[in-house]
Amino acid sequence: MGSVWWTGLGSLVAGAGGGILAGLFGVGGALVLIPMLALLLGLNQHQAQGTALAAMLLPNGLPAVLYMRRMGIVIHWALVVTLTCGFLPAVWAGAALANLIPEPALRMGFAGVLLLLAGRTLLQKTPAREHPSSVVPVPYGRTWLPGLAIGCAGGLASGLLGIGGAILMIPLMVWLVRIPQHEAQATSLVLMLAPIGLPGVWVYARNGGGLPWLALGGVAAGFLCGAYYGAILALRIRGPRLRQGFAGLMVAMALLLILKGA
């Protein structure tokens, strides 16, 4: 009974922590959720990634999508379709590849990704206010090929590392399709409303003894509540401090994972 109680409590804490930081920093909560599941519940890297990917199947971004639509932000529906076509097979392939990689190597690889993201975040300059009229999008007839490539990149990262593919897809959409940052974020959020990570979750569930379903329920409940309060908190903390806090968090999580695997 004590083990069940701790699993439920630990998964709620991990889910809430991931949700708060997702709402606070505007990134996929799996970046924080995966290390927390490994550290709080003792899940191995494969289980932690599969559980985080399964928790992301919920339409957590729906309130943000509805808000963006009310604010008049454009959602590129044709691009959503091509991104989905690239994402679905790639997330399955990424998850299959992850299950062929030994757990220590996968853990160290994930820690390396966290450190790279921390460095990128610290070096990123605060952008000037972007005006949509200053960006000339690629014509819709020519978005299907870059859309497929972007979807494949996001799906592969999502399946291989258990993270949301938006962290790759958003900058790639801005770069390759030339749409404004806020439109890329809205398009990515719409893509993630559907359970497109399901092929990857299925692979993780079939391998390594399945997923901890009790923990998954607690993670999902904690994440939904945490994301709401994280978004409120984000409105009160702005500028470089928020970015520096995110980078520091990534470094801390990476170091903890490295020490745990040592």
C-alpha atoms as a PDB file:
ATOM      1  CA  MET A   1       0.000   0.000   0.000  1.00  0.00           C
ATOM      2  CA  GLY A   2       2.824   2.376   0.826  1.00  0.00           C
ATOM      3  CA  SER A   3       4.376   1.800  -2.564  1.00  0.00           C
ATOM      4  CA  VAL A   4       1.064   2.524  -4.316  1.00  0.00           C
ATOM      5  CA  TRP A   5       0.565   5.677  -2.229  1.00  0.00           C
ATOM      6  CA  TRP A   6       4.062   6.931  -3.057  1.00  0.00           C
ATOM      7  CA  THR A   7       3.596   6.140  -6.763  1.00  0.00           C
ATOM      8  CA  GLY A   8       0.366   8.132  -6.842  1.00  0.00           C
ATOM      9  CA  LEU A   9       1.803  11.075  -4.914  1.00  0.00           C
ATOM     10  CA  GLY A  10       5.091  11.076  -6.786  1.00  0.00           C
ATOM     11  CA  SER A  11       3.365  10.968 -10.172  1.00  0.00           C
ATOM     12  CA  LEU A  12       1.093  13.876  -9.181  1.00  0.00           C
ATOM     13  CA  VAL A  13       4.120  15.916  -8.093  1.00  0.00           C
ATOM     14  CA  ALA A  14       6.022  15.044 -11.281  1.00  0.00           C
ATOM     15  CA  GLY A  15       3.013  15.848 -13.470  1.00  0.00           C
ATOM     16  CA  ALA A  16       2.334  19.131 -11.685  1.00  0.00           C
ATOM     17  CA  GLY A  17       6.001  20.111 -11.900  1.00  0.00           C
ATOM     18  CA  GLY A  18       6.133  19.339 -15.603  1.00  0.00           C
ATOM     19  CA  GLY A  19       2.855  21.178 -16.205  1.00  0.00           C
ATOM     20  CA  ILE A  20       3.881  24.283 -14.255  1.00  0.00           C
ATOM     21  CA  LEU A  21       7.164  24.530 -16.107  1.00  0.00           C
ATOM     22  CA  ALA A  22       5.472  23.870 -19.456  1.00  0.00           C
ATOM     23  CA  GLY A  23       3.069  26.727 -18.829  1.00  0.00           C
ATOM     24  CA  LEU A  24       5.802  28.923 -17.402  1.00  0.00           C
ATOM     25  CA  PHE A  25       8.407  28.459 -20.135  1.00  0.00           C
ATOM     26  CA  GLY A  26       6.157  27.606 -23.085  1.00  0.00           C
ATOM     27  CA  VAL A  27       7.855  24.295 -23.942  1.00  0.00           C
ATOM     28  CA  GLY A  28       6.828  20.688 -23.860  1.00  0.00           C
ATOM     29  CA  GLY A  29       6.585  19.552 -20.242  1.00  0.00           C
ATOM     30  CA  ALA A  30       8.290  16.254 -21.074  1.00  0.00           C
ATOM     31  CA  LEU A  31      11.686  17.958 -20.918  1.00  0.00           C
ATOM     32  CA  VAL A  32      11.172  18.299 -17.177  1.00  0.00           C
ATOM     33  CA  LEU A  33       8.701  15.480 -16.659  1.00  0.00           C
ATOM     34  CA  ILE A  34      11.071  12.726 -17.820  1.00  0.00           C
ATOM     35  CA  PRO A  35      13.882  13.538 -15.334  1.00  0.00           C
ATOM     36  CA  MET A  36      11.313  13.981 -12.536  1.00  0.00           C
ATOM     37  CA  LEU A  37       9.770  10.566 -13.228  1.00  0.00           C
ATOM     38  CA  ALA A  38      13.216   8.982 -13.191  1.00  0.00           C
ATOM     39  CA  LEU A  39      14.295  10.761  -9.996  1.00  0.00           C
ATOM     40  CA  LEU A  40      11.040  10.669  -7.987  1.00  0.00           C
ATOM     41  CA  LEU A  41       9.654   7.261  -8.975  1.00  0.00           C
ATOM     42  CA  GLY A  42      12.855   5.483 -10.002  1.00  0.00           C
ATOM     43  CA  LEU A  43      11.569   4.700 -13.501  1.00  0.00           C
ATOM     44  CA  ASN A  44      14.192   3.681 -16.008  1.00  0.00           C
ATOM     45  CA  GLN A  45      14.744   5.981 -18.996  1.00  0.00           C
ATOM     46  CA  HIS A  46      12.535   3.963 -21.358  1.00  0.00           C
ATOM     47  CA  GLN A  47       9.623   3.878 -18.906  1.00  0.00           C
ATOM     48  CA  ALA A  48       9.972   7.583 -18.101  1.00  0.00           C
ATOM     49  CA  GLN A  49       9.993   8.548 -21.793  1.00  0.00           C
ATOM     50  CA  GLY A  50       7.039   6.315 -22.626  1.00  0.00           C
ATOM     51  CA  THR A  51       5.017   7.621 -19.671  1.00  0.00           C
ATOM     52  CA  ALA A  52       5.730  11.250 -20.576  1.00  0.00           C
ATOM     53  CA  LEU A  53       4.818  10.621 -24.213  1.00  0.00           C
ATOM     54  CA  ALA A  54       1.554   8.985 -23.141  1.00  0.00           C
ATOM     55  CA  ALA A  55       0.695  11.915 -20.849  1.00  0.00           C
ATOM     56  CA  MET A  56       1.152  14.266 -23.821  1.00  0.00           C
ATOM     57  CA  LEU A  57      -1.654  12.458 -25.695  1.00  0.00           C
ATOM     58  CA  LEU A  58      -4.176  14.626 -23.829  1.00  0.00           C
ATOM     59  CA  PRO A  59      -5.253  17.852 -25.613  1.00  0.00           C
ATOM     60  CA  ASN A  60      -3.380  20.033 -23.108  1.00  0.00           C
ATOM     61  CA  GLY A  61      -2.979  22.883 -25.608  1.00  0.00           C
ATOM     62  CA  LEU A  62      -6.695  23.380 -26.341  1.00  0.00           C
ATOM     63  CA  PRO A  63      -7.161  26.466 -24.102  1.00  0.00           C
ATOM     64  CA  ALA A  64      -4.130  28.112 -25.729  1.00  0.00           C
ATOM     65  CA  VAL A  65      -5.434  27.331 -29.239  1.00  0.00           C
ATOM     66  CA  LEU A  66      -8.842  28.813 -28.448  1.00  0.00           C
ATOM     67  CA  TYR A  67      -7.209  31.931 -27.006  1.00  0.00           C
ATOM     68  CA  MET A  68      -4.976  32.379 -30.058  1.00  0.00           C
ATOM     69  CA  ARG A  69      -7.954  32.051 -32.375  1.00  0.00           C
ATOM     70  CA  ARG A  70      -9.795  34.739 -30.400  1.00  0.00           C
ATOM     71  CA  MET A  71      -6.746  36.990 -30.804  1.00  0.00           C
ATOM     72  CA  GLY A  72      -6.836  36.502 -34.583  1.00  0.00           C
ATOM     73  CA  ILE A  73      -3.634  34.463 -34.935  1.00  0.00           C
ATOM     74  CA  VAL A  74      -3.566  32.481 -38.193  1.00  0.00           C
ATOM     75  CA  ILE A  75      -3.446  28.672 -38.049  1.00  0.00           C
ATOM     76  CA  HIS A  76      -2.023  27.061 -41.193  1.00  0.00           C
ATOM     77  CA  TRP A  77      -4.357  24.082 -41.603  1.00  0.00           C
ATOM     78  CA  ALA A  78      -2.740  22.743 -44.790  1.00  0.00           C
ATOM     79  CA  LEU A  79       0.583  22.692 -42.970  1.00  0.00           C
ATOM     80  CA  VAL A  80      -1.005  20.830 -40.036  1.00  0.00           C
ATOM     81  CA  VAL A  81      -1.990  18.036 -42.441  1.00  0.00           C
ATOM     82  CA  THR A  82       1.496  17.649 -43.941  1.00  0.00           C
ATOM     83  CA  LEU A  83       3.153  17.863 -40.510  1.00  0.00           C
ATOM     84  CA  THR A  84       0.878  15.063 -39.295  1.00  0.00           C
ATOM     85  CA  CYS A  85       1.738  12.864 -42.290  1.00  0.00           C
ATOM     86  CA  GLY A  86       5.437  13.220 -41.492  1.00  0.00           C
ATOM     87  CA  PHE A  87       5.068  12.947 -37.706  1.00  0.00           C
ATOM     88  CA  LEU A  88       3.076   9.693 -37.431  1.00  0.00           C
ATOM     89  CA  PRO A  89       5.545   7.251 -39.040  1.00  0.00           C
ATOM     90  CA  ALA A  90       8.553   9.070 -37.573  1.00  0.00           C
ATOM     91  CA  VAL A  91       7.341   8.908 -33.951  1.00  0.00           C
ATOM     92  CA  TRP A  92       6.927   5.137 -34.325  1.00  0.00           C
ATOM     93  CA  ALA A  93      10.410   4.824 -35.822  1.00  0.00           C
ATOM     94  CA  GLY A  94      11.930   6.999 -33.095  1.00  0.00           C
ATOM     95  CA  ALA A  95      10.325   4.949 -30.321  1.00  0.00           C
ATOM     96  CA  ALA A  96      11.446   1.697 -31.952  1.00  0.00           C
ATOM     97  CA  LEU A  97      14.997   3.044 -32.197  1.00  0.00           C
ATOM     98  CA  ALA A  98      14.925   4.168 -28.543  1.00  0.00           C
ATOM     99  CA  ASN A  99      14.102   0.631 -27.419  1.00  0.00           C
ATOM    100  CA  LEU A 100      17.204  -0.665 -29.214  1.00  0.00           C
ATOM    101  CA  ILE A 101      19.486   1.729 -27.329  1.00  0.00           C
ATOM    102  CA  PRO A 102      20.772   0.610 -23.883  1.00  0.00           C
ATOM    103  CA  GLU A 103      19.248   2.510 -20.976  1.00  0.00           C
ATOM    104  CA  PRO A 104      22.478   4.213 -19.768  1.00  0.00           C
ATOM    105  CA  ALA A 105      23.275   5.490 -23.267  1.00  0.00           C
ATOM    106  CA  LEU A 106      19.735   6.768 -23.729  1.00  0.00           C
ATOM    107  CA  ARG A 107      19.886   8.554 -20.367  1.00  0.00           C
ATOM    108  CA  MET A 108      23.205  10.204 -21.219  1.00  0.00           C
ATOM    109  CA  GLY A 109      21.873  11.200 -24.636  1.00  0.00           C
ATOM    110  CA  PHE A 110      18.837  12.835 -23.057  1.00  0.00           C
ATOM    111  CA  ALA A 111      21.063  14.687 -20.583  1.00  0.00           C
ATOM    112  CA  GLY A 112      23.128  15.916 -23.532  1.00  0.00           C
ATOM    113  CA  VAL A 113      19.982  17.248 -25.240  1.00  0.00           C
ATOM    114  CA  LEU A 114      19.073  19.137 -22.047  1.00  0.00           C
ATOM    115  CA  LEU A 115      22.529  20.737 -21.919  1.00  0.00           C
ATOM    116  CA  LEU A 116      22.331  21.749 -25.601  1.00  0.00           C
ATOM    117  CA  LEU A 117      18.918  23.299 -25.052  1.00  0.00           C
ATOM    118  CA  ALA A 118      20.233  25.168 -22.019  1.00  0.00           C
ATOM    119  CA  GLY A 119      23.109  26.589 -24.053  1.00  0.00           C
ATOM    120  CA  ARG A 120      20.814  27.572 -26.917  1.00  0.00           C
ATOM    121  CA  THR A 121      18.453  29.282 -24.485  1.00  0.00           C
ATOM    122  CA  LEU A 122      21.241  31.291 -22.800  1.00  0.00           C
ATOM    123  CA  LEU A 123      22.692  32.423 -26.122  1.00  0.00           C
ATOM    124  CA  GLN A 124      19.331  33.389 -27.599  1.00  0.00           C
ATOM    125  CA  LYS A 125      18.816  37.127 -27.828  1.00  0.00           C
ATOM    126  CA  THR A 126      15.545  38.765 -26.882  1.00  0.00           C
ATOM    127  CA  PRO A 127      13.841  39.292 -30.264  1.00  0.00           C
ATOM    128  CA  ALA A 128      12.349  42.537 -31.391  1.00  0.00           C
ATOM    129  CA  ARG A 129       8.567  42.568 -31.693  1.00  0.00           C
ATOM    130  CA  GLU A 130       7.746  40.689 -34.833  1.00  0.00           C
ATOM    131  CA  HIS A 131       5.122  42.067 -37.183  1.00  0.00           C
ATOM    132  CA  PRO A 132       3.331  39.446 -39.324  1.00  0.00           C
ATOM    133  CA  SER A 133       3.347  41.722 -42.363  1.00  0.00           C
ATOM    134  CA  SER A 134       7.167  41.674 -42.378  1.00  0.00           C
ATOM    135  CA  VAL A 135       7.192  37.924 -43.037  1.00  0.00           C
ATOM    136  CA  VAL A 136       6.395  36.539 -46.496  1.00  0.00           C
ATOM    137  CA  PRO A 137       5.218  32.914 -46.105  1.00  0.00           C
ATOM    138  CA  VAL A 138       6.112  30.195 -48.574  1.00  0.00           C
ATOM    139  CA  PRO A 139       3.092  29.648 -50.917  1.00  0.00           C
ATOM    140  CA  TYR A 140       0.812  26.821 -49.755  1.00  0.00           C
ATOM    141  CA  GLY A 141       1.522  24.772 -52.876  1.00  0.00           C
ATOM    142  CA  ARG A 142       5.171  24.505 -51.836  1.00  0.00           C
ATOM    143  CA  THR A 143       4.731  23.728 -48.135  1.00  0.00           C
ATOM    144  CA  TRP A 144       4.035  20.016 -48.416  1.00  0.00           C
ATOM    145  CA  LEU A 145       7.679  18.929 -48.812  1.00  0.00           C
ATOM    146  CA  PRO A 146       9.121  21.083 -45.996  1.00  0.00           C
ATOM    147  CA  GLY A 147       6.030  20.212 -43.938  1.00  0.00           C
ATOM    148  CA  LEU A 148       6.737  16.490 -44.300  1.00  0.00           C
ATOM    149  CA  ALA A 149      10.401  17.017 -43.405  1.00  0.00           C
ATOM    150  CA  ILE A 150       9.537  19.129 -40.348  1.00  0.00           C
ATOM    151  CA  GLY A 151       6.934  16.590 -39.203  1.00  0.00           C
ATOM    152  CA  CYS A 152       9.464  13.762 -39.579  1.00  0.00           C
ATOM    153  CA  ALA A 153      12.067  15.658 -37.538  1.00  0.00           C
ATOM    154  CA  GLY A 154       9.560  16.397 -34.771  1.00  0.00           C
ATOM    155  CA  GLY A 155       8.213  12.845 -34.724  1.00  0.00           C
ATOM    156  CA  LEU A 156      11.659  11.273 -34.633  1.00  0.00           C
ATOM    157  CA  ALA A 157      12.721  13.474 -31.702  1.00  0.00           C
ATOM    158  CA  SER A 158       9.434  12.814 -29.926  1.00  0.00           C
ATOM    159  CA  GLY A 159       9.682   9.035 -30.236  1.00  0.00           C
ATOM    160  CA  LEU A 160      13.410   8.778 -29.594  1.00  0.00           C
ATOM    161  CA  LEU A 161      13.569  11.100 -26.568  1.00  0.00           C
ATOM    162  CA  GLY A 162       9.933  11.117 -25.375  1.00  0.00           C
ATOM    163  CA  ILE A 163       9.690  14.908 -25.784  1.00  0.00           C
ATOM    164  CA  GLY A 164       7.177  17.026 -27.622  1.00  0.00           C
ATOM    165  CA  GLY A 165       8.310  17.612 -31.179  1.00  0.00           C
ATOM    166  CA  ALA A 166       7.317  21.290 -31.030  1.00  0.00           C
ATOM    167  CA  ILE A 167      10.742  22.303 -29.723  1.00  0.00           C
ATOM    168  CA  LEU A 168      12.136  21.372 -33.164  1.00  0.00           C
ATOM    169  CA  MET A 169       9.111  21.993 -35.368  1.00  0.00           C
ATOM    170  CA  ILE A 170       8.442  25.601 -34.342  1.00  0.00           C
ATOM    171  CA  PRO A 171      11.879  27.004 -35.292  1.00  0.00           C
ATOM    172  CA  LEU A 172      11.901  24.865 -38.456  1.00  0.00           C
ATOM    173  CA  MET A 173       8.517  26.251 -39.512  1.00  0.00           C
ATOM    174  CA  VAL A 174       9.779  29.799 -38.989  1.00  0.00           C
ATOM    175  CA  TRP A 175      12.948  29.038 -40.968  1.00  0.00           C
ATOM    176  CA  LEU A 176      11.708  26.798 -43.801  1.00  0.00           C
ATOM    177  CA  VAL A 177       8.083  27.885 -44.275  1.00  0.00           C
ATOM    178  CA  ARG A 178       8.705  31.507 -43.238  1.00  0.00           C
ATOM    179  CA  ILE A 179       5.682  32.022 -41.013  1.00  0.00           C
ATOM    180  CA  PRO A 180       5.788  34.262 -37.911  1.00  0.00           C
ATOM    181  CA  GLN A 181       6.730  32.734 -34.563  1.00  0.00           C
ATOM    182  CA  HIS A 182       3.255  33.019 -33.038  1.00  0.00           C
ATOM    183  CA  GLU A 183       1.638  31.405 -36.098  1.00  0.00           C
ATOM    184  CA  ALA A 184       4.168  28.558 -35.929  1.00  0.00           C
ATOM    185  CA  GLN A 185       3.331  28.041 -32.238  1.00  0.00           C
ATOM    186  CA  ALA A 186      -0.417  28.022 -32.927  1.00  0.00           C
ATOM    187  CA  THR A 187       0.014  25.559 -35.805  1.00  0.00           C
ATOM    188  CA  SER A 188       2.135  23.286 -33.618  1.00  0.00           C
ATOM    189  CA  LEU A 189      -0.428  23.406 -30.808  1.00  0.00           C
ATOM    190  CA  VAL A 190      -3.201  22.357 -33.196  1.00  0.00           C
ATOM    191  CA  LEU A 191      -1.038  19.479 -34.429  1.00  0.00           C
ATOM    192  CA  MET A 192      -0.567  18.254 -30.853  1.00  0.00           C
ATOM    193  CA  LEU A 193      -4.286  18.297 -30.004  1.00  0.00           C
ATOM    194  CA  ALA A 194      -4.754  14.935 -31.719  1.00  0.00           C
ATOM    195  CA  PRO A 195      -3.084  11.908 -30.075  1.00  0.00           C
ATOM    196  CA  ILE A 196      -0.396  11.753 -32.765  1.00  0.00           C
ATOM    197  CA  GLY A 197       2.151  10.337 -30.309  1.00  0.00           C
ATOM    198  CA  LEU A 198       0.083   7.144 -29.989  1.00  0.00           C
ATOM    199  CA  PRO A 199       2.306   5.021 -32.303  1.00  0.00           C
ATOM    200  CA  GLY A 200       5.289   5.838 -30.108  1.00  0.00           C
ATOM    201  CA  VAL A 201       3.369   5.108 -26.898  1.00  0.00           C
ATOM    202  CA  TRP A 202       2.319   1.749 -28.348  1.00  0.00           C
ATOM    203  CA  VAL A 203       5.959   0.822 -29.010  1.00  0.00           C
ATOM    204  CA  TYR A 204       7.044   1.845 -25.498  1.00  0.00           C
ATOM    205  CA  ALA A 205       4.110  -0.070 -23.962  1.00  0.00           C
ATOM    206  CA  ARG A 206       5.010  -3.266 -25.831  1.00  0.00           C
ATOM    207  CA  ASN A 207       8.679  -3.193 -24.854  1.00  0.00           C
ATOM    208  CA  GLY A 208      10.461  -3.156 -21.528  1.00  0.00           C
ATOM    209  CA  GLY A 209       7.601  -4.623 -19.503  1.00  0.00           C
ATOM    210  CA  GLY A 210       4.976  -2.018 -20.409  1.00  0.00           C
ATOM    211  CA  LEU A 211       4.220   1.354 -18.845  1.00  0.00           C
ATOM    212  CA  PRO A 212       3.329   2.202 -15.219  1.00  0.00           C
ATOM    213  CA  TRP A 213      -0.355   2.994 -15.809  1.00  0.00           C
ATOM    214  CA  LEU A 214      -1.026   4.101 -12.206  1.00  0.00           C
ATOM    215  CA  ALA A 215       1.773   6.650 -12.470  1.00  0.00           C
ATOM    216  CA  LEU A 216       0.469   7.748 -15.869  1.00  0.00           C
ATOM    217  CA  GLY A 217      -2.931   8.664 -14.395  1.00  0.00           C
ATOM    218  CA  GLY A 218      -1.317  10.773 -11.682  1.00  0.00           C
ATOM    219  CA  VAL A 219       1.007  12.459 -14.179  1.00  0.00           C
ATOM    220  CA  ALA A 220      -1.876  13.411 -16.472  1.00  0.00           C
ATOM    221  CA  ALA A 221      -3.961  14.859 -13.629  1.00  0.00           C
ATOM    222  CA  GLY A 222      -1.025  16.780 -12.168  1.00  0.00           C
ATOM    223  CA  PHE A 223       0.050  18.103 -15.556  1.00  0.00           C
ATOM    224  CA  LEU A 224      -3.360  19.548 -16.438  1.00  0.00           C
ATOM    225  CA  CYS A 225      -3.537  21.460 -13.146  1.00  0.00           C
ATOM    226  CA  GLY A 226       0.106  22.523 -13.206  1.00  0.00           C
ATOM    227  CA  ALA A 227      -0.016  23.907 -16.753  1.00  0.00           C
ATOM    228  CA  TYR A 228      -2.858  26.253 -15.824  1.00  0.00           C
ATOM    229  CA  TYR A 229      -0.988  27.763 -12.876  1.00  0.00           C
ATOM    230  CA  GLY A 230       2.269  27.839 -14.833  1.00  0.00           C
ATOM    231  CA  ALA A 231       0.629  30.013 -17.491  1.00  0.00           C
ATOM    232  CA  ILE A 232      -0.607  32.412 -14.788  1.00  0.00           C
ATOM    233  CA  LEU A 233       2.887  32.565 -13.297  1.00  0.00           C
ATOM    234  CA  ALA A 234       4.435  33.251 -16.700  1.00  0.00           C
ATOM    235  CA  LEU A 235       2.470  36.502 -16.964  1.00  0.00           C
ATOM    236  CA  ARG A 236       4.235  37.799 -13.838  1.00  0.00           C
ATOM    237  CA  ILE A 237       7.797  36.856 -14.799  1.00  0.00           C
ATOM    238  CA  ARG A 238       9.080  38.311 -18.034  1.00  0.00           C
ATOM    239  CA  GLY A 239      12.287  38.961 -19.914  1.00  0.00           C
ATOM    240  CA  PRO A 240      15.771  37.465 -19.551  1.00  0.00           C
ATOM    241  CA  ARG A 241      15.159  36.141 -16.032  1.00  0.00           C
ATOM    242  CA  LEU A 242      12.575  33.672 -17.313  1.00  0.00           C
ATOM    243  CA  ARG A 243      14.951  32.445 -20.007  1.00  0.00           C
ATOM    244  CA  GLN A 244      17.860  32.168 -17.555  1.00  0.00           C
ATOM    245  CA  GLY A 245      15.677  30.245 -15.109  1.00  0.00           C
ATOM    246  CA  PHE A 246      14.727  27.745 -17.813  1.00  0.00           C
ATOM    247  CA  ALA A 247      18.364  27.242 -18.821  1.00  0.00           C
ATOM    248  CA  GLY A 248      19.401  26.735 -15.201  1.00  0.00           C
ATOM    249  CA  LEU A 249      16.645  24.184 -14.708  1.00  0.00           C
ATOM    250  CA  MET A 250      17.788  22.195 -17.766  1.00  0.00           C
ATOM    251  CA  VAL A 251      21.388  22.140 -16.510  1.00  0.00           C
ATOM    252  CA  ALA A 252      20.277  20.977 -13.055  1.00  0.00           C
ATOM    253  CA  MET A 253      18.110  18.175 -14.476  1.00  0.00           C
ATOM    254  CA  ALA A 254      20.911  17.031 -16.801  1.00  0.00           C
ATOM    255  CA  LEU A 255      23.449  16.919 -13.963  1.00  0.00           C
ATOM    256  CA  LEU A 256      21.064  14.953 -11.742  1.00  0.00           C
ATOM    257  CA  LEU A 257      20.497  12.397 -14.507  1.00  0.00           C
ATOM    258  CA  ILE A 258      24.230  12.074 -15.125  1.00  0.00           C
ATOM    259  CA  LEU A 259      24.904  11.556 -11.397  1.00  0.00           C
ATOM    260  CA  LYS A 260      22.050   9.018 -11.169  1.00  0.00           C
ATOM    261  CA  GLY A 261      23.541   7.007 -14.026  1.00  0.00           C
ATOM    262  CA  ALA A 262      27.096   7.178 -12.710  1.00  0.00           C
END
